[in-house]
Amino acid sequence: MNNIKVSVIIPVYNCARYVGATLKSVINQDFKYRYEIIVIDDGSTDGSLNVINSTLKGCGIPYKVIHQRNAGVSVARNHGIDVSSGEYIVFIDGDDLVLENHLSELYNEDYDFSLIQFAKKEGDRISYLNYFDFNSISTEDFIKKELQMEILFNFFQLMYNSKIIKDNNIYFTPGVVYGEDTEFALKALIHGNRIHISNEVTYYYIQRSDSAIRTSEFRRFDIVDIFESLASFYRMNGRNDLANLIIYSRIPKAIFGNMNYFFYSCYGFDEVYYVMKKKDLLSKLSRYRGDFKFKLKIRLFLFNPKLYYKMWFRFKNSID
């Protein structure tokens, strides 16, 4: 038995400038148990593979380097899951950084999942996004809070029980570029019991100007398809209550929030409204059940979209 406690899965695509630092931050963990590093090079053309091999060579940590034809980050992560041998799985992006206590802060054998906090770094600016006022929570309560947008989290904050992932065939959906990570986490969590929560910031999510994507094709709205798929998944698992939370709360909030995001990002009203009608998002927005104040905003928009936009632009409301 290899006695690997944690598999760290790192997808890489054209990250030659950054992946060396990422890997060094993973190599230099203070974790007292054995862990492995699995790097999946997704068809990089910038020399990333050379940096990966030279950084890992002689590092003293068990590692696997897989080179595949470019197929997207979901396929890369799925490949990593398939070849992993750890009792738990952690995901790190190929241009992010973790502190030396990342794995030791996450690892807890008494829980199916554990979660740490992360900071967003953009240039010299660092934003600390979220803290929790509890140190553990049932997976069911966590899912419900996420679906009602009472908490915010990112899938890479979690350490996942590998047996839960593999026994239930939980994988990332290939070909999806927005929301596939949230779907993966929320599918996995339904099969567990509790999550251990740490408020230690050990993950630095790096936002780089050369990796920013202008969503000219409105791919942020693809999250609606992801959540509809997740609702079907919950119904198949006998959880109509969670499916209904998605349909009547999470999806309308996602539509409205992303619509305001596009307005805030200087997309024109006609452009945004055309896409929303084409994707049948207006009828899905109208299904919202919940907070009266939020429902009022939706009703105002649906009653007179142009008027809502003019009011929003005049008063420069924050994104909900």
Protein backbone atom coordinates (compact mmCIF):
# COMPACT_ATOMS: atom_id res chain seq x y z
CA MET A 1 0.00 0.00 0.00
CA ASN A 2 1.39 3.39 -1.01
CA ASN A 3 -0.12 5.15 2.04
CA ILE A 4 -0.72 8.38 0.11
CA LYS A 5 -2.99 10.58 2.18
CA VAL A 6 -3.60 13.39 -0.31
CA SER A 7 -3.46 13.71 -4.09
CA VAL A 8 -2.87 17.29 -5.26
CA ILE A 9 -4.27 17.67 -8.79
CA ILE A 10 -2.94 20.58 -10.86
CA PRO A 11 -4.19 21.21 -14.42
CA VAL A 12 -1.84 23.34 -16.51
CA TYR A 13 -2.33 25.11 -19.82
CA ASN A 14 0.30 27.58 -21.06
CA CYS A 15 1.42 28.59 -17.56
CA ALA A 16 5.18 28.46 -18.14
CA ARG A 17 5.67 31.85 -16.45
CA TYR A 18 3.87 30.80 -13.28
CA VAL A 19 3.69 27.03 -12.85
CA GLY A 20 7.19 26.76 -11.38
CA ALA A 21 6.20 28.97 -8.44
CA THR A 22 2.92 27.06 -8.06
CA LEU A 23 4.70 23.72 -7.89
CA LYS A 24 7.31 25.00 -5.44
CA SER A 25 4.53 26.16 -3.13
CA VAL A 26 3.09 22.63 -3.24
CA ILE A 27 6.47 20.95 -2.76
CA ASN A 28 7.25 23.08 0.30
CA GLN A 29 4.30 21.90 2.40
CA ASP A 30 4.73 21.25 6.12
CA PHE A 31 2.33 18.28 5.82
CA LYS A 32 3.56 15.39 7.98
CA TYR A 33 1.95 12.64 5.89
CA ARG A 34 2.74 11.38 2.40
CA TYR A 35 1.12 13.19 -0.46
CA GLU A 36 1.46 13.09 -4.23
CA ILE A 37 1.50 15.76 -6.89
CA ILE A 38 -0.37 15.08 -10.14
CA VAL A 39 0.18 17.58 -12.94
CA ILE A 40 -1.85 17.34 -16.14
CA ASP A 41 -0.41 19.39 -18.99
CA ASP A 42 -3.37 20.13 -21.25
CA GLY A 43 -1.50 20.48 -24.52
CA SER A 44 0.56 23.54 -23.57
CA THR A 45 2.60 25.14 -26.35
CA ASP A 46 4.68 27.58 -24.29
CA GLY A 47 7.17 25.27 -22.62
CA SER A 48 5.08 24.58 -19.53
CA LEU A 49 5.92 20.88 -19.68
CA ASN A 50 9.66 21.60 -19.48
CA VAL A 51 9.14 23.82 -16.43
CA ILE A 52 6.98 21.16 -14.78
CA ASN A 53 9.52 18.39 -15.31
CA SER A 54 12.51 20.47 -14.21
CA THR A 55 10.72 21.74 -11.07
CA LEU A 56 9.52 18.33 -9.93
CA LYS A 57 12.70 16.41 -10.74
CA GLY A 58 14.36 15.35 -7.51
CA CYS A 59 11.78 17.10 -5.34
CA GLY A 60 11.38 14.11 -3.02
CA ILE A 61 7.58 14.13 -3.34
CA PRO A 62 5.86 11.32 -5.31
CA TYR A 63 4.55 12.84 -8.51
CA LYS A 64 2.96 12.06 -11.86
CA VAL A 65 3.19 14.26 -14.93
CA ILE A 66 0.62 13.59 -17.63
CA HIS A 67 0.68 15.25 -21.03
CA GLN A 68 -2.57 15.20 -22.99
CA ARG A 69 -3.82 16.81 -26.16
CA ASN A 70 -5.65 20.04 -25.42
CA ALA A 71 -9.11 19.05 -24.18
CA GLY A 72 -9.93 21.65 -21.55
CA VAL A 73 -9.53 21.98 -17.82
CA SER A 74 -12.43 19.64 -16.97
CA VAL A 75 -10.90 16.74 -18.88
CA ALA A 76 -7.52 17.48 -17.32
CA ARG A 77 -8.94 17.41 -13.79
CA ASN A 78 -10.89 14.23 -14.56
CA HIS A 79 -7.68 12.60 -15.80
CA GLY A 80 -6.06 13.58 -12.51
CA ILE A 81 -8.89 12.01 -10.51
CA ASP A 82 -8.56 8.75 -12.45
CA VAL A 83 -4.85 8.33 -11.73
CA SER A 84 -4.93 9.60 -8.14
CA SER A 85 -4.21 7.23 -5.27
CA GLY A 86 -4.68 9.47 -2.22
CA GLU A 87 -7.38 9.10 0.39
CA TYR A 88 -8.27 12.75 -0.23
CA ILE A 89 -8.11 15.02 -3.26
CA VAL A 90 -7.16 18.69 -3.48
CA PHE A 91 -7.27 20.88 -6.60
CA ILE A 92 -4.89 23.76 -7.30
CA ASP A 93 -4.81 25.79 -10.50
CA GLY A 94 -1.51 25.96 -12.35
CA ASP A 95 -0.95 29.68 -11.79
CA ASP A 96 -2.11 30.01 -8.18
CA LEU A 97 -0.15 29.75 -4.92
CA VAL A 98 -0.68 27.97 -1.60
CA LEU A 99 0.96 28.59 1.74
CA GLU A 100 3.09 25.89 3.36
CA ASN A 101 0.29 24.90 5.76
CA HIS A 102 -2.32 24.42 3.04
CA LEU A 103 -2.53 20.62 3.25
CA SER A 104 -2.05 20.39 7.00
CA GLU A 105 -4.81 22.93 7.55
CA LEU A 106 -7.16 21.04 5.25
CA TYR A 107 -6.43 17.47 6.32
CA ASN A 108 -8.89 16.06 8.87
CA GLU A 109 -9.69 12.35 8.88
CA ASP A 110 -12.84 12.88 10.96
CA TYR A 111 -14.64 14.61 8.07
CA ASP A 112 -15.54 13.75 4.48
CA PHE A 113 -14.68 17.28 3.40
CA SER A 114 -12.76 20.20 4.82
CA LEU A 115 -12.52 23.82 3.74
CA ILE A 116 -10.02 26.67 4.09
CA GLN A 117 -10.26 30.32 3.10
CA PHE A 118 -8.65 31.98 0.12
CA ALA A 119 -7.51 35.42 -0.87
CA LYS A 120 -7.80 36.99 -4.30
CA LYS A 121 -4.61 38.67 -5.49
CA GLU A 122 -4.69 41.13 -8.38
CA GLY A 123 -1.39 42.93 -8.84
CA ASP A 124 -0.47 44.38 -5.45
CA ARG A 125 -4.05 44.26 -4.21
CA ILE A 126 -5.16 41.38 -1.98
CA SER A 127 -8.82 40.81 -1.09
CA TYR A 128 -9.85 38.50 1.75
CA LEU A 129 -13.25 37.36 0.67
CA ASN A 130 -15.03 35.35 3.32
CA TYR A 131 -15.02 33.92 6.83
CA PHE A 132 -17.39 31.53 8.56
CA ASP A 133 -18.74 31.80 12.11
CA PHE A 134 -18.80 28.01 12.59
CA ASN A 135 -16.07 25.35 12.53
CA SER A 136 -18.14 22.56 11.01
CA ILE A 137 -21.40 22.17 9.14
CA SER A 138 -23.42 19.34 7.63
CA THR A 139 -23.01 19.02 3.88
CA GLU A 140 -26.77 19.38 3.48
CA ASP A 141 -26.87 22.69 5.33
CA PHE A 142 -23.83 23.91 3.41
CA ILE A 143 -25.48 23.09 0.07
CA LYS A 144 -28.70 24.83 1.09
CA LYS A 145 -26.82 27.93 2.17
CA GLU A 146 -24.96 28.01 -1.15
CA LEU A 147 -28.14 27.56 -3.18
CA GLN A 148 -29.72 30.45 -1.28
CA MET A 149 -26.49 32.43 -1.73
CA GLU A 150 -26.08 32.84 2.03
CA ILE A 151 -22.45 31.74 1.72
CA LEU A 152 -19.83 32.04 -1.00
CA PHE A 153 -17.19 29.44 -1.74
CA ASN A 154 -14.97 28.16 -4.52
CA PHE A 155 -14.44 24.48 -5.25
CA PHE A 156 -10.65 24.71 -4.73
CA GLN A 157 -11.21 25.62 -1.06
CA LEU A 158 -12.26 22.03 -0.37
CA MET A 159 -10.45 18.79 0.33
CA TYR A 160 -12.54 15.90 -1.01
CA ASN A 161 -12.83 12.33 0.23
CA SER A 162 -11.52 10.35 -2.74
CA LYS A 163 -13.75 7.34 -2.08
CA ILE A 164 -16.86 9.53 -2.28
CA ILE A 165 -15.67 11.00 -5.59
CA LYS A 166 -14.78 7.67 -7.18
CA ASP A 167 -17.57 5.48 -5.81
CA ASN A 168 -20.19 7.95 -7.04
CA ASN A 169 -18.50 8.76 -10.37
CA ILE A 170 -18.31 12.48 -9.66
CA TYR A 171 -16.52 14.23 -12.52
CA PHE A 172 -16.24 17.67 -14.05
CA THR A 173 -18.46 18.22 -17.10
CA PRO A 174 -16.23 18.47 -20.21
CA GLY A 175 -16.67 21.38 -22.58
CA VAL A 176 -18.10 23.75 -19.97
CA VAL A 177 -16.07 26.90 -19.34
CA TYR A 178 -18.11 28.53 -16.58
CA GLY A 179 -19.58 26.87 -13.49
CA GLU A 180 -18.31 23.30 -13.94
CA ASP A 181 -16.31 23.58 -10.71
CA THR A 182 -19.35 24.61 -8.66
CA GLU A 183 -21.33 21.73 -10.15
CA PHE A 184 -18.58 19.26 -9.23
CA ALA A 185 -18.43 20.42 -5.62
CA LEU A 186 -22.19 20.47 -5.09
CA LYS A 187 -22.54 16.98 -6.59
CA ALA A 188 -19.80 15.61 -4.38
CA LEU A 189 -21.05 17.22 -1.17
CA ILE A 190 -24.46 15.54 -1.32
CA HIS A 191 -22.77 12.17 -0.76
CA GLY A 192 -20.96 13.22 2.42
CA ASN A 193 -21.91 14.06 6.00
CA ARG A 194 -19.99 17.02 7.40
CA ILE A 195 -17.44 19.65 6.41
CA HIS A 196 -14.70 20.88 8.70
CA ILE A 197 -14.22 24.65 8.39
CA SER A 198 -11.00 26.59 8.91
CA ASN A 199 -10.74 30.35 8.66
CA GLU A 200 -7.05 30.16 7.82
CA VAL A 201 -6.23 31.75 4.45
CA THR A 202 -3.89 29.27 2.75
CA TYR A 203 -4.81 29.62 -0.95
CA TYR A 204 -4.00 32.63 -3.13
CA TYR A 205 -6.14 32.90 -6.22
CA ILE A 206 -4.13 34.98 -8.67
CA GLN A 207 -5.98 37.15 -11.16
CA ARG A 208 -3.71 38.10 -14.03
CA SER A 209 -4.30 40.65 -16.75
CA ASP A 210 -3.06 38.23 -19.41
CA SER A 211 -5.57 35.57 -18.37
CA ALA A 212 -8.65 37.75 -18.14
CA ILE A 213 -11.41 36.71 -20.54
CA ARG A 214 -13.98 39.17 -21.82
CA THR A 215 -17.17 37.17 -21.92
CA SER A 216 -18.24 38.49 -25.31
CA GLU A 217 -20.27 35.35 -25.86
CA PHE A 218 -22.03 35.79 -22.52
CA ARG A 219 -20.63 32.55 -21.17
CA ARG A 220 -21.40 33.64 -17.62
CA PHE A 221 -25.03 32.81 -18.40
CA ASP A 222 -23.95 29.18 -18.97
CA ILE A 223 -24.19 28.78 -15.21
CA VAL A 224 -27.96 28.43 -15.76
CA ASP A 225 -27.44 25.25 -17.78
CA ILE A 226 -25.09 23.94 -15.11
CA PHE A 227 -27.63 24.52 -12.36
CA GLU A 228 -30.44 22.96 -14.39
CA SER A 229 -28.27 19.87 -14.79
CA LEU A 230 -27.54 19.92 -11.06
CA ALA A 231 -31.28 20.15 -10.31
CA SER A 232 -31.86 17.03 -12.41
CA PHE A 233 -29.02 15.30 -10.55
CA TYR A 234 -30.62 16.11 -7.19
CA ARG A 235 -34.03 14.89 -8.35
CA MET A 236 -32.48 11.58 -9.44
CA ASN A 237 -31.02 11.31 -5.95
CA GLY A 238 -34.40 11.91 -4.33
CA ARG A 239 -33.69 15.49 -3.28
CA ASN A 240 -36.55 17.47 -4.78
CA ASP A 241 -36.12 20.08 -2.03
CA LEU A 242 -32.63 20.95 -3.28
CA ALA A 243 -33.76 20.84 -6.92
CA ASN A 244 -36.54 23.32 -6.12
CA LEU A 245 -34.08 25.63 -4.36
CA ILE A 246 -32.08 25.70 -7.59
CA ILE A 247 -35.06 26.36 -9.87
CA TYR A 248 -36.81 28.94 -7.69
CA SER A 249 -33.86 30.68 -6.03
CA ARG A 250 -30.36 29.93 -7.28
CA ILE A 251 -31.04 30.19 -11.02
CA PRO A 252 -33.02 33.49 -10.86
CA LYS A 253 -30.31 34.99 -8.62
CA ALA A 254 -27.59 33.82 -11.01
CA ILE A 255 -29.42 35.33 -13.99
CA PHE A 256 -30.05 38.65 -12.27
CA GLY A 257 -26.55 38.89 -10.84
CA ASN A 258 -24.88 38.15 -14.16
CA MET A 259 -27.19 40.54 -15.99
CA ASN A 260 -26.08 43.32 -13.63
CA TYR A 261 -22.48 42.20 -14.10
CA PHE A 262 -22.79 42.78 -17.84
CA PHE A 263 -24.36 46.18 -17.29
CA TYR A 264 -21.56 47.04 -14.86
CA SER A 265 -19.01 45.87 -17.46
CA CYS A 266 -20.45 48.35 -19.99
CA TYR A 267 -22.35 45.92 -22.17
CA GLY A 268 -25.26 47.69 -23.85
CA PHE A 269 -28.83 47.06 -22.73
CA ASP A 270 -30.00 45.85 -26.15
CA GLU A 271 -27.12 43.37 -26.38
CA VAL A 272 -27.75 41.90 -22.94
CA TYR A 273 -31.54 41.81 -23.28
CA TYR A 274 -31.32 40.10 -26.69
CA VAL A 275 -29.18 37.29 -25.26
CA MET A 276 -31.48 36.89 -22.26
CA LYS A 277 -34.51 36.51 -24.52
CA LYS A 278 -32.68 34.14 -26.85
CA LYS A 279 -31.66 31.92 -23.92
CA ASP A 280 -35.18 32.06 -22.42
CA LEU A 281 -33.79 33.56 -19.24
CA LEU A 282 -36.69 35.94 -18.64
CA SER A 283 -39.17 33.16 -17.87
CA LYS A 284 -36.62 31.47 -15.60
CA LEU A 285 -36.02 34.77 -13.82
CA SER A 286 -39.76 35.14 -13.17
CA ARG A 287 -39.82 31.88 -11.15
CA TYR A 288 -38.04 33.43 -8.18
CA ARG A 289 -39.52 32.69 -4.76
CA GLY A 290 -37.96 34.30 -1.74
CA ASP A 291 -36.89 37.65 -0.36
CA PHE A 292 -39.49 40.34 -1.08
CA LYS A 293 -36.94 43.07 -1.83
CA PHE A 294 -35.17 40.93 -4.40
CA LYS A 295 -38.47 39.81 -5.89
CA LEU A 296 -39.44 43.48 -6.29
CA LYS A 297 -36.28 44.17 -8.28
CA ILE A 298 -37.04 41.25 -10.57
CA ARG A 299 -40.63 42.39 -11.04
CA LEU A 300 -39.50 45.92 -11.90
CA PHE A 301 -37.10 44.58 -14.49
CA LEU A 302 -39.64 42.22 -16.05
CA PHE A 303 -42.35 44.90 -16.10
CA ASN A 304 -40.14 47.44 -17.88
CA PRO A 305 -36.60 46.23 -18.62
CA LYS A 306 -35.50 49.48 -20.24
CA LEU A 307 -36.70 51.52 -17.28
CA TYR A 308 -34.88 49.24 -14.86
CA TYR A 309 -31.68 49.66 -16.86
CA LYS A 310 -32.01 53.45 -16.88
CA MET A 311 -32.60 53.50 -13.13
CA TRP A 312 -29.71 51.12 -12.52
CA PHE A 313 -27.39 53.22 -14.68
CA ARG A 314 -28.47 56.45 -13.00
CA PHE A 315 -28.01 55.25 -9.45
CA LYS A 316 -25.17 52.80 -10.25
CA ASN A 317 -26.54 50.04 -8.03
CA SER A 318 -24.10 47.44 -6.81
CA ILE A 319 -24.22 43.96 -8.32
CA ASP A 320 -26.51 41.60 -6.38
